[in-house]
Protein backbone atom coordinates (compact mmCIF):
# COMPACT_ATOMS: atom_id res chain seq x y z
CA UNK A 1 -220.53 142.49 -36.56
CA UNK A 2 -217.98 141.31 -38.37
CA UNK A 3 -218.78 138.93 -41.87
CA UNK A 4 -217.37 136.81 -44.25
CA UNK A 5 -216.07 138.98 -47.62
CA UNK A 6 -219.25 138.36 -50.02
CA UNK A 7 -218.49 136.82 -53.36
CA UNK A 8 -218.11 139.61 -56.48
CA UNK A 9 -220.13 139.86 -59.16
CA UNK A 10 -217.75 137.44 -61.21
CA UNK A 11 -216.81 135.22 -58.99
CA UNK A 12 -220.72 134.38 -58.41
CA UNK A 13 -221.68 134.43 -62.11
CA UNK A 14 -218.37 132.05 -62.95
CA UNK A 15 -219.45 129.11 -60.23
CA UNK A 16 -223.14 129.52 -61.06
CA UNK A 17 -222.15 128.31 -65.02
CA UNK A 18 -219.67 125.83 -63.69
CA UNK A 19 -222.61 124.28 -61.90
CA UNK A 20 -224.62 124.53 -64.92
CA UNK A 21 -221.95 122.37 -66.90
CA UNK A 22 -222.11 119.84 -64.05
CA UNK A 23 -218.21 121.25 -63.67
CA UNK A 24 -216.96 122.69 -59.38
CA UNK A 25 -214.04 124.89 -59.08
CA UNK A 26 -211.93 122.52 -57.45
CA UNK A 27 -212.62 119.65 -59.97
CA UNK A 28 -214.67 117.59 -57.97
CA UNK A 29 -218.02 115.33 -58.55
CA UNK A 30 -221.32 116.64 -57.08
CA UNK A 31 -221.24 113.37 -54.51
CA UNK A 32 -218.18 113.66 -53.23
CA UNK A 33 -216.05 114.87 -50.51
CA UNK A 34 -212.62 116.72 -49.84
CA UNK A 35 -209.52 115.40 -49.28
CA UNK A 36 -210.37 113.91 -45.42
CA UNK A 37 -207.19 113.76 -43.07
CA UNK A 38 -207.20 112.71 -39.34
CA UNK A 39 -204.30 113.19 -37.22
CA UNK A 40 -204.32 111.54 -33.76
CA UNK A 41 -202.35 113.34 -30.98
CA UNK A 42 -200.40 111.83 -28.21
CA UNK A 43 -203.53 111.65 -25.49
CA UNK A 44 -206.52 109.67 -26.06
CA UNK A 45 -209.04 111.47 -27.36
CA UNK A 46 -207.55 114.42 -29.25
CA UNK A 47 -208.41 114.29 -33.22
CA UNK A 48 -207.09 116.81 -35.92
CA UNK A 49 -209.84 116.83 -38.70
CA UNK A 50 -209.00 118.38 -42.18
CA UNK A 51 -211.81 118.72 -44.44
CA UNK A 52 -209.93 120.32 -47.23
CA UNK A 53 -209.19 123.81 -45.67
CA UNK A 54 -211.60 122.97 -43.10
CA UNK A 55 -209.78 122.32 -39.87
CA UNK A 56 -211.10 121.10 -36.57
CA UNK A 57 -210.19 119.69 -33.27
CA UNK A 58 -211.73 117.72 -31.41
CA UNK A 59 -210.69 116.82 -27.62
CA UNK A 60 -212.73 114.16 -25.18
CA UNK A 61 -212.07 114.73 -21.19
CA UNK A 62 -213.50 112.54 -18.35
CA UNK A 63 -214.07 113.42 -14.81
CA UNK A 64 -216.28 111.54 -11.59
CA UNK A 65 -219.03 113.64 -11.42
CA UNK A 66 -222.53 112.95 -9.55
CA UNK A 67 -225.27 111.80 -12.01
CA UNK A 68 -229.00 113.63 -12.49
CA UNK A 69 -231.63 113.15 -10.50
CA UNK A 70 -234.02 112.09 -12.99
CA UNK A 71 -231.07 109.80 -14.80
CA UNK A 72 -229.41 108.31 -11.75
CA UNK A 73 -228.99 104.76 -13.82
CA UNK A 74 -227.27 107.19 -16.47
CA UNK A 75 -223.78 109.09 -16.79
CA UNK A 76 -223.18 112.60 -18.27
CA UNK A 77 -222.02 113.22 -22.04
CA UNK A 78 -222.36 116.89 -23.09
CA UNK A 79 -220.76 118.67 -26.21
CA UNK A 80 -219.64 122.70 -26.82
CA UNK A 81 -218.21 123.98 -29.64
CA UNK A 82 -215.97 127.13 -30.36
CA UNK A 83 -215.65 129.10 -33.36
CA UNK A 84 -212.28 131.39 -32.44
CA UNK A 85 -211.54 134.43 -34.79
CA UNK A 86 -208.90 132.62 -36.17
CA UNK A 87 -210.66 130.16 -38.21
CA UNK A 88 -212.72 133.30 -39.41
CA UNK A 89 -213.19 136.71 -39.74
CA UNK A 90 -217.19 136.00 -38.77
CA UNK A 91 -216.53 134.60 -35.80
CA UNK A 92 -216.15 136.50 -32.42
CA UNK A 93 -215.29 135.47 -28.80
CA UNK A 94 -217.73 135.44 -26.43
CA UNK A 95 -220.81 135.83 -28.68
CA UNK A 96 -222.89 133.05 -30.69
CA UNK A 97 -223.26 133.59 -33.92
CA UNK A 98 -226.11 132.01 -36.20
CA UNK A 99 -223.55 129.44 -37.14
CA UNK A 100 -222.12 128.25 -33.88
CA UNK A 101 -225.77 127.56 -32.96
CA UNK A 102 -226.85 125.62 -35.94
CA UNK A 103 -223.47 123.15 -34.92
CA UNK A 104 -224.20 122.83 -31.54
CA UNK A 105 -227.47 122.05 -32.37
CA UNK A 106 -226.47 119.58 -35.09
CA UNK A 107 -224.36 117.58 -32.77
CA UNK A 108 -226.57 117.39 -30.47
CA UNK A 109 -229.06 115.71 -31.83
CA UNK A 110 -226.38 113.50 -34.22
CA UNK A 111 -224.72 112.01 -31.41
CA UNK A 112 -225.93 113.20 -28.32
CA UNK A 113 -229.89 112.40 -28.59
CA UNK A 114 -229.33 109.16 -30.93
CA UNK A 115 -228.21 107.60 -28.13
CA UNK A 116 -224.47 106.81 -30.00
CA UNK A 117 -222.87 106.76 -26.64
CA UNK A 118 -223.77 104.62 -23.80
CA UNK A 119 -224.73 106.62 -20.82
CA UNK A 120 -225.42 103.85 -18.89
CA UNK A 121 -222.42 102.62 -19.29
CA UNK A 122 -220.69 105.53 -17.66
CA UNK A 123 -222.70 104.68 -14.52
CA UNK A 124 -220.50 103.89 -11.89
CA UNK A 125 -222.55 103.62 -8.68
CA UNK A 126 -226.50 104.81 -9.10
CA UNK A 127 -227.50 107.79 -7.85
CA UNK A 128 -223.77 108.94 -6.47
CA UNK A 129 -220.73 108.68 -8.58
CA UNK A 130 -220.88 108.65 -12.76
CA UNK A 131 -218.36 109.53 -15.63
CA UNK A 132 -218.79 113.01 -17.50
CA UNK A 133 -217.80 112.38 -20.79
CA UNK A 134 -216.78 116.21 -22.10
CA UNK A 135 -216.36 117.01 -26.40
CA UNK A 136 -214.94 120.38 -26.90
CA UNK A 137 -214.72 120.94 -30.69
CA UNK A 138 -212.89 123.84 -31.38
CA UNK A 139 -212.68 125.18 -35.34
CA UNK A 140 -209.21 126.13 -36.34
CA UNK A 141 -209.63 126.64 -40.20
CA UNK A 142 -213.42 127.98 -41.91
CA UNK A 143 -213.55 126.58 -45.31
CA UNK A 144 -216.99 125.54 -45.88
CA UNK A 145 -218.05 122.01 -44.42
CA UNK A 146 -217.79 122.51 -40.97
CA UNK A 147 -220.83 120.77 -39.80
CA UNK A 148 -219.70 117.36 -41.77
CA UNK A 149 -215.80 118.42 -40.27
CA UNK A 150 -217.03 118.63 -36.91
CA UNK A 151 -218.90 115.00 -36.77
CA UNK A 152 -216.66 113.63 -37.81
CA UNK A 153 -213.72 114.53 -35.38
CA UNK A 154 -216.29 114.15 -32.77
CA UNK A 155 -217.28 110.67 -33.43
CA UNK A 156 -213.43 109.87 -34.32
CA UNK A 157 -212.58 111.41 -30.95
CA UNK A 158 -215.29 109.43 -28.88
CA UNK A 159 -213.66 105.46 -29.94
CA UNK A 160 -210.09 107.13 -29.37
CA UNK A 161 -210.93 108.57 -25.89
CA UNK A 162 -209.75 105.66 -23.19
CA UNK A 163 -210.71 106.42 -19.44
CA UNK A 164 -209.28 105.50 -16.36
CA UNK A 165 -210.10 103.07 -15.10
CA UNK A 166 -211.92 101.99 -12.21
CA UNK A 167 -212.64 99.87 -8.76
CA UNK A 168 -215.33 99.97 -6.40
CA UNK A 169 -215.19 99.22 -2.61
CA UNK A 170 -218.83 99.68 -1.03
CA UNK A 171 -219.40 103.02 -1.57
CA UNK A 172 -215.34 103.90 -2.61
CA UNK A 173 -214.90 104.49 -6.31
CA UNK A 174 -210.99 104.59 -7.41
CA UNK A 175 -209.75 105.71 -10.27
CA UNK A 176 -206.75 104.50 -11.82
CA UNK A 177 -204.15 106.47 -13.78
CA UNK A 178 -202.94 104.90 -17.02
CA UNK A 179 -199.51 103.75 -15.85
CA UNK A 180 -200.88 101.83 -13.37
CA UNK A 181 -203.82 100.39 -15.44
CA UNK A 182 -204.93 100.66 -19.05
CA UNK A 183 -207.60 103.11 -19.51
CA UNK A 184 -210.75 101.60 -21.05
CA UNK A 185 -212.70 102.82 -24.24
CA UNK A 186 -216.30 104.27 -24.53
CA UNK A 187 -219.18 102.07 -25.26
CA UNK A 188 -220.37 103.50 -28.25
CA UNK A 189 -223.94 101.90 -29.59
CA UNK A 190 -223.45 103.45 -33.54
CA UNK A 191 -221.04 105.81 -35.41
CA UNK A 192 -223.85 108.68 -36.84
CA UNK A 193 -222.05 110.66 -39.60
CA UNK A 194 -223.31 114.33 -41.08
CA UNK A 195 -223.79 115.00 -45.09
CA UNK A 196 -224.43 118.31 -46.30
CA UNK A 197 -226.35 118.82 -49.53
CA UNK A 198 -226.22 122.38 -51.16
CA UNK A 199 -228.91 122.94 -53.33
CA UNK A 200 -228.54 125.42 -57.18
CA UNK A 201 -230.84 126.47 -59.29
CA UNK A 202 -233.92 126.03 -57.90
CA UNK A 203 -232.73 122.51 -56.64
CA UNK A 204 -231.94 121.18 -59.89
CA UNK A 205 -227.91 121.09 -58.70
CA UNK A 206 -226.97 119.57 -55.27
CA UNK A 207 -223.65 119.30 -54.22
CA UNK A 208 -222.38 117.48 -51.65
CA UNK A 209 -218.88 119.07 -48.86
CA UNK A 210 -219.53 122.94 -50.43
CA UNK A 211 -216.77 124.90 -49.77
CA UNK A 212 -217.19 128.76 -48.39
CA UNK A 213 -217.91 129.98 -51.84
CA UNK A 214 -220.32 127.92 -52.47
CA UNK A 215 -221.72 127.59 -49.10
CA UNK A 216 -222.66 131.56 -49.68
CA UNK A 217 -223.97 131.24 -53.01
CA UNK A 218 -226.16 128.35 -52.13
CA UNK A 219 -229.96 128.84 -52.27
CA UNK A 220 -230.49 125.77 -49.67
CA UNK A 221 -229.08 123.43 -47.26
CA UNK A 222 -230.11 119.52 -46.57
CA UNK A 223 -228.38 118.33 -43.26
CA UNK A 224 -228.54 114.08 -43.14
CA UNK A 225 -226.94 112.28 -40.26
CA UNK A 226 -227.07 109.09 -40.62
CA UNK A 227 -224.99 105.31 -39.59
CA UNK A 228 -223.64 102.56 -41.53
CA UNK A 229 -226.92 100.36 -40.98
CA UNK A 230 -228.91 103.44 -42.56
CA UNK A 231 -230.42 104.92 -39.44
CA UNK A 232 -231.20 107.81 -39.64
CA UNK A 233 -230.59 109.98 -36.66
CA UNK A 234 -231.66 113.72 -37.77
CA UNK A 235 -232.24 115.45 -40.97
CA UNK A 236 -231.96 119.21 -40.99
CA UNK A 237 -233.02 121.86 -43.87
CA UNK A 238 -232.06 125.31 -43.63
CA UNK A 239 -233.04 127.90 -46.89
CA UNK A 240 -235.85 129.02 -48.42
CA UNK A 241 -235.68 126.62 -51.62
CA UNK A 242 -238.21 123.92 -51.78
CA UNK A 243 -237.51 120.34 -51.88
CA UNK A 244 -239.42 117.54 -53.40
CA UNK A 245 -238.91 113.98 -51.24
CA UNK A 246 -237.93 112.14 -54.38
CA UNK A 247 -234.90 114.49 -54.07
CA UNK A 248 -234.48 113.51 -50.57
CA UNK A 249 -234.34 110.44 -50.70
CA UNK A 250 -232.11 110.71 -53.90
CA UNK A 251 -230.17 112.45 -50.93
CA UNK A 252 -230.17 110.22 -48.43
CA UNK A 253 -228.88 107.51 -50.47
CA UNK A 254 -225.64 108.95 -51.50
CA UNK A 255 -225.44 109.69 -47.68
CA UNK A 256 -225.84 106.19 -46.88
CA UNK A 257 -222.65 105.60 -49.54
CA UNK A 258 -221.09 108.67 -47.77
CA UNK A 259 -221.32 107.41 -44.12
CA UNK A 260 -220.24 103.53 -45.08
CA UNK A 261 -216.84 104.93 -46.53
CA UNK A 262 -216.22 107.59 -44.15
CA UNK A 263 -217.00 104.95 -41.37
CA UNK A 264 -214.54 102.42 -42.77
CA UNK A 265 -211.56 105.03 -43.38
CA UNK A 266 -211.93 106.09 -39.51
CA UNK A 267 -212.17 102.45 -38.31
CA UNK A 268 -208.62 102.12 -40.45
CA UNK A 269 -207.37 105.56 -38.89
CA UNK A 270 -208.02 103.95 -35.65
CA UNK A 271 -206.35 100.79 -35.82
CA UNK A 272 -203.35 102.55 -37.24
CA UNK A 273 -203.08 104.19 -33.91
CA UNK A 274 -203.61 101.55 -31.97
CA UNK A 275 -200.88 99.44 -33.59
CA UNK A 276 -198.40 102.12 -33.37
CA UNK A 277 -198.93 102.24 -29.79
CA UNK A 278 -199.40 98.93 -29.13
CA UNK A 279 -195.08 98.47 -29.19
CA UNK A 280 -194.34 94.76 -29.11
CA UNK A 281 -197.81 93.91 -27.78
CA UNK A 282 -197.47 95.69 -24.52
CA UNK A 283 -200.62 97.20 -24.00
CA UNK A 284 -201.96 93.71 -24.98
CA UNK A 285 -200.54 92.17 -21.69
CA UNK A 286 -201.29 95.08 -19.59
CA UNK A 287 -204.61 94.43 -20.29
CA UNK A 288 -204.50 90.76 -19.67
CA UNK A 289 -203.70 90.96 -16.41
CA UNK A 290 -206.53 94.08 -16.59
CA UNK A 291 -208.93 91.55 -16.92
CA UNK A 292 -207.78 89.53 -14.02
């Protein structure tokens, strides 16, 4: 089975000695993210996220379908992930690695199970017609921080996406093309953000947004998912090193500050993209006509 190249003895000693002296190889502070770049595609719901050298593409799609029998008043929301060999030699096509399973579960708990997307708003006719929203996550480059970058990509894509407008006449549902009616944004109840902490030297050193080399040498990791309202969606701890309760509380405080900052940056990029699309107020006029 393909694997990432193991760090050499010199690389390991150099990185760990630097952490003892409060120095990271890339010069960041211990609680800082790498440079974050969000690029939106021409179509709604396509987001390209770069976190350092890690690159993740998220794309949202929608189609009309029938609700689940046990949830007749809810729409359908699914998240799929793809880790291909172009991102890392450790990934294989058609075979789920442990990392891909972890990524899928964390995104599922953070976004879907926390009800970030209002699925009741996706229902058109109870038990008969609803929207099925699908988020596809494609990892293009991998240099650590995969969970954090993927969560940012999916949350930003959901906010950016616009579904077709529909009308209902009896039990007949008509979906309109974007040329006919302005698409409608999804109803998000909150915007969860994942923050991953890596532990070294028996938990004495804690890093945010570890690079691939740092991930390979860490003793444990803690993933905290929360929104800007300090509501924790999930916590997951992996690795053998123990973490005391006070350290977890400090990590949660740091995660809240970072989540607020990332949410603000995502909102700013969304506003910039909306302004670039709203030429001469045309979208505003069309939206007003939709309301009429």
